[in-house]
N, C-alpha and C. Protein backbone atom coordinates (compact mmCIF):
# COMPACT_ATOMS: atom_id res chain seq x y z
N MET A 1 -36.94 -5.08 -9.16
CA MET A 1 -35.72 -4.79 -7.97
C MET A 1 -34.98 -3.96 -8.49
N VAL A 2 -34.77 -2.59 -7.88
CA VAL A 2 -34.00 -1.39 -7.59
C VAL A 2 -33.00 -1.39 -6.84
N LYS A 3 -31.49 -1.90 -7.12
CA LYS A 3 -30.50 -1.68 -6.38
C LYS A 3 -29.99 0.10 -6.10
N ALA A 4 -29.97 0.20 -5.12
CA ALA A 4 -29.48 1.25 -4.42
C ALA A 4 -28.17 1.19 -4.86
N MET A 5 -27.57 2.49 -5.33
CA MET A 5 -26.40 3.04 -5.58
C MET A 5 -25.95 3.08 -4.14
N SER A 6 -24.19 3.07 -3.96
CA SER A 6 -23.80 2.58 -2.83
C SER A 6 -22.21 3.49 -2.87
N LEU A 7 -22.47 4.56 -2.37
CA LEU A 7 -20.92 5.85 -2.17
C LEU A 7 -20.51 4.90 -1.28
N VAL A 8 -19.06 5.53 -1.55
CA VAL A 8 -17.82 5.22 -0.67
C VAL A 8 -17.44 6.18 -0.04
N PRO A 9 -17.44 6.46 1.33
CA PRO A 9 -16.99 7.58 1.85
C PRO A 9 -15.05 7.85 1.47
N PRO A 10 -14.60 9.17 1.22
CA PRO A 10 -12.99 9.31 1.10
C PRO A 10 -12.11 8.68 2.49
N CYS A 11 -12.98 8.54 3.10
CA CYS A 11 -11.91 7.99 4.64
C CYS A 11 -12.01 6.34 4.69
N GLU A 12 -12.69 5.95 3.96
CA GLU A 12 -12.73 4.32 3.46
C GLU A 12 -12.45 4.27 2.88
N PHE A 13 -12.28 4.83 1.59
CA PHE A 13 -11.26 4.58 -0.10
C PHE A 13 -9.82 4.58 0.68
N SER A 14 -9.45 5.86 1.77
CA SER A 14 -8.02 5.88 2.48
C SER A 14 -7.80 4.76 2.92
N VAL A 15 -8.55 4.19 3.68
CA VAL A 15 -7.67 3.04 4.35
C VAL A 15 -7.77 2.10 3.48
N LYS A 16 -9.10 1.78 2.38
CA LYS A 16 -9.13 0.13 2.21
C LYS A 16 -8.09 0.21 0.96
N GLU A 17 -7.98 1.39 0.10
CA GLU A 17 -7.03 1.74 -1.06
C GLU A 17 -5.34 2.30 -1.06
N LEU A 18 -6.14 3.43 -0.67
CA LEU A 18 -4.65 4.20 -0.79
C LEU A 18 -3.44 3.90 0.47
N LEU A 19 -3.97 3.53 1.43
CA LEU A 19 -2.87 3.44 2.82
C LEU A 19 -2.47 2.00 2.18
N PRO A 20 -2.98 1.06 2.06
CA PRO A 20 -2.35 -0.33 1.68
C PRO A 20 -1.03 -0.32 0.20
N ALA A 21 -2.13 0.87 -0.73
CA ALA A 21 -0.83 0.49 -1.83
C ALA A 21 0.14 1.77 -1.31
N MET A 22 0.32 2.70 -0.95
CA MET A 22 1.52 3.53 -0.24
C MET A 22 2.28 2.68 0.65
N ARG A 23 1.94 1.59 1.56
CA ARG A 23 2.84 0.88 2.13
C ARG A 23 3.56 -0.14 1.51
N SER A 24 2.25 -1.04 0.77
CA SER A 24 3.12 -1.63 -0.53
C SER A 24 4.68 -0.81 -0.74
N ILE A 25 4.24 0.61 -1.45
CA ILE A 25 5.18 1.29 -2.15
C ILE A 25 6.54 1.35 -0.91
N ILE A 26 6.31 1.51 -0.34
CA ILE A 26 7.41 1.93 1.14
C ILE A 26 7.86 0.90 1.21
N ALA A 27 7.49 0.09 1.40
CA ALA A 27 8.01 -1.71 1.41
C ALA A 27 9.05 -1.81 0.90
N THR A 28 8.44 -1.96 -0.67
CA THR A 28 9.64 -2.27 -1.83
C THR A 28 10.32 -1.43 -1.73
N LYS A 29 10.77 0.03 -1.43
CA LYS A 29 11.72 1.10 -1.54
C LYS A 29 12.54 0.28 -0.47
N LEU A 30 12.10 0.35 0.71
CA LEU A 30 13.16 0.02 1.86
C LEU A 30 13.72 -1.10 1.67
N VAL A 31 12.98 -2.77 1.21
CA VAL A 31 13.93 -3.81 1.08
C VAL A 31 14.49 -3.60 0.00
N LYS A 32 14.12 -3.90 -1.51
CA LYS A 32 14.99 -3.63 -2.36
C LYS A 32 15.77 -2.45 -2.65
N ASP A 33 15.57 -1.33 -2.69
CA ASP A 33 16.09 -0.03 -2.69
C ASP A 33 17.08 0.14 -1.78
N LYS A 34 16.82 0.25 -0.54
CA LYS A 34 17.75 0.30 0.42
C LYS A 34 18.58 -0.62 1.25
N GLY A 35 17.91 -2.10 1.08
CA GLY A 35 18.56 -3.20 1.05
C GLY A 35 18.04 -3.50 3.20
N TYR A 36 17.44 -2.80 3.44
CA TYR A 36 16.75 -3.07 4.43
C TYR A 36 16.47 -4.63 4.88
N PRO A 37 16.67 -5.12 5.69
CA PRO A 37 15.54 -6.38 6.06
C PRO A 37 14.81 -6.15 6.40
N LEU A 38 13.45 -7.73 6.08
CA LEU A 38 11.81 -7.70 6.56
C LEU A 38 11.72 -7.22 7.72
N TYR A 39 12.46 -7.55 8.41
CA TYR A 39 12.21 -7.11 10.04
C TYR A 39 12.05 -5.89 10.57
N ARG A 40 13.43 -5.24 10.01
CA ARG A 40 13.72 -3.63 10.17
C ARG A 40 12.71 -3.30 9.49
N ALA A 41 12.31 -3.35 8.05
CA ALA A 41 11.34 -2.44 7.71
C ALA A 41 9.65 -2.78 8.58
N ALA A 42 9.42 -3.42 8.80
CA ALA A 42 8.17 -3.73 9.50
C ALA A 42 8.60 -3.04 10.79
N LEU A 43 9.31 -3.02 11.52
CA LEU A 43 9.66 -2.33 12.42
C LEU A 43 9.54 -0.30 12.16
N LEU A 44 10.51 -0.10 11.38
CA LEU A 44 9.96 1.34 10.60
C LEU A 44 8.53 1.54 10.33
N MET A 45 8.07 0.71 9.50
CA MET A 45 6.22 0.88 9.30
C MET A 45 5.59 1.01 9.86
N GLY A 46 5.62 -0.11 11.42
CA GLY A 46 4.58 -0.39 12.23
C GLY A 46 3.54 -1.16 12.27
N VAL A 47 4.10 -2.20 10.91
CA VAL A 47 3.02 -3.39 10.88
C VAL A 47 4.54 -4.66 11.00
N THR A 48 3.72 -5.55 10.93
CA THR A 48 4.06 -7.37 11.24
C THR A 48 5.33 -7.30 10.29
N PRO A 49 6.01 -8.26 10.14
CA PRO A 49 7.12 -8.47 9.09
C PRO A 49 5.86 -9.70 7.76
N ALA A 50 4.96 -10.06 8.17
CA ALA A 50 3.99 -11.35 7.50
C ALA A 50 3.49 -10.04 6.47
N ALA A 51 3.29 -8.69 7.36
CA ALA A 51 2.87 -7.59 6.20
C ALA A 51 3.31 -7.06 4.79
N VAL A 52 4.39 -7.16 5.82
CA VAL A 52 5.54 -6.34 4.92
C VAL A 52 5.77 -7.52 3.58
N ALA A 53 5.67 -8.76 4.08
CA ALA A 53 6.08 -9.98 3.14
C ALA A 53 4.81 -9.60 2.11
N ASN A 54 3.78 -9.72 2.72
CA ASN A 54 2.33 -9.32 1.79
C ASN A 54 2.21 -8.36 0.52
N TYR A 55 2.84 -7.04 1.54
CA TYR A 55 3.04 -6.01 0.33
C TYR A 55 4.20 -6.64 -0.72
N MET A 56 5.35 -7.18 -0.27
CA MET A 56 6.28 -7.36 -1.21
C MET A 56 6.14 -8.27 -2.30
N ASN A 57 4.87 -9.38 -1.83
CA ASN A 57 4.62 -10.50 -3.03
C ASN A 57 3.33 -10.11 -3.82
N GLY A 58 2.50 -8.90 -3.55
CA GLY A 58 1.69 -8.58 -4.47
C GLY A 58 0.09 -8.84 -3.92
N LYS A 59 0.23 -9.56 -2.39
CA LYS A 59 -0.79 -9.77 -1.67
C LYS A 59 -1.82 -9.07 -1.04
N ARG A 60 -1.13 -7.42 -1.27
CA ARG A 60 -2.08 -6.37 -0.25
C ARG A 60 -1.57 -5.36 -0.88
N GLY A 61 -2.27 -4.34 -1.57
CA GLY A 61 -1.95 -2.80 -1.61
C GLY A 61 -1.75 -2.85 -3.05
N THR A 62 -2.25 -4.05 -3.99
CA THR A 62 -2.12 -3.67 -5.38
C THR A 62 -3.18 -2.61 -6.23
N ALA A 63 -4.58 -2.71 -5.94
CA ALA A 63 -5.33 -2.34 -5.99
C ALA A 63 -4.90 -0.94 -7.26
N ILE A 64 -4.54 0.24 -7.03
CA ILE A 64 -4.04 1.37 -7.04
C ILE A 64 -2.58 1.96 -7.60
N LYS A 65 -1.63 0.74 -6.85
CA LYS A 65 -0.31 1.06 -6.86
C LYS A 65 0.24 1.62 -7.69
N GLY A 66 -0.56 1.23 -9.02
CA GLY A 66 0.18 0.91 -10.40
C GLY A 66 -0.16 2.32 -10.55
N ILE A 67 -1.31 2.99 -10.56
CA ILE A 67 -1.77 4.51 -10.47
C ILE A 67 -1.02 5.31 -10.24
N ILE A 68 -0.57 4.94 -8.69
CA ILE A 68 0.24 6.15 -7.83
C ILE A 68 1.90 5.74 -8.55
N GLU A 69 2.50 4.98 -8.79
CA GLU A 69 4.08 4.49 -9.15
C GLU A 69 3.85 5.23 -10.52
N LYS A 70 2.64 5.40 -11.50
CA LYS A 70 3.35 5.84 -12.92
C LYS A 70 2.59 7.13 -12.73
N ASP A 71 2.52 8.10 -11.38
CA ASP A 71 1.64 9.70 -11.69
C ASP A 71 2.66 10.25 -10.30
N PRO A 72 4.08 10.96 -11.33
CA PRO A 72 5.36 11.32 -10.30
C PRO A 72 4.86 12.70 -9.09
N SER A 73 3.57 13.43 -9.91
CA SER A 73 3.19 14.62 -9.40
C SER A 73 2.36 13.76 -8.09
N SER A 74 2.41 12.64 -7.83
CA SER A 74 1.77 12.50 -6.22
C SER A 74 2.73 12.09 -5.28
N TRP A 75 4.08 12.45 -5.80
CA TRP A 75 5.24 12.29 -4.87
C TRP A 75 5.36 13.84 -4.40
N LYS A 76 5.37 14.64 -4.88
CA LYS A 76 5.89 15.77 -4.31
C LYS A 76 4.75 16.04 -3.07
């Protein structure tokens, strides 16, 4: 039995990997660096406070977060 290769379209990768990683970075900066309360950060980001808590606790957006944070050129 031969398995077919599965190609992931760029839009699917963006939604499943890139956006959660960016949200995780933003949530961390808002809460830890800027001192915003969890609820205020959630309001600014357009997500629920539970989602912000999950981003902060590493339950969401961890797949490529380290790669994005290590590459300073990605923030320009």
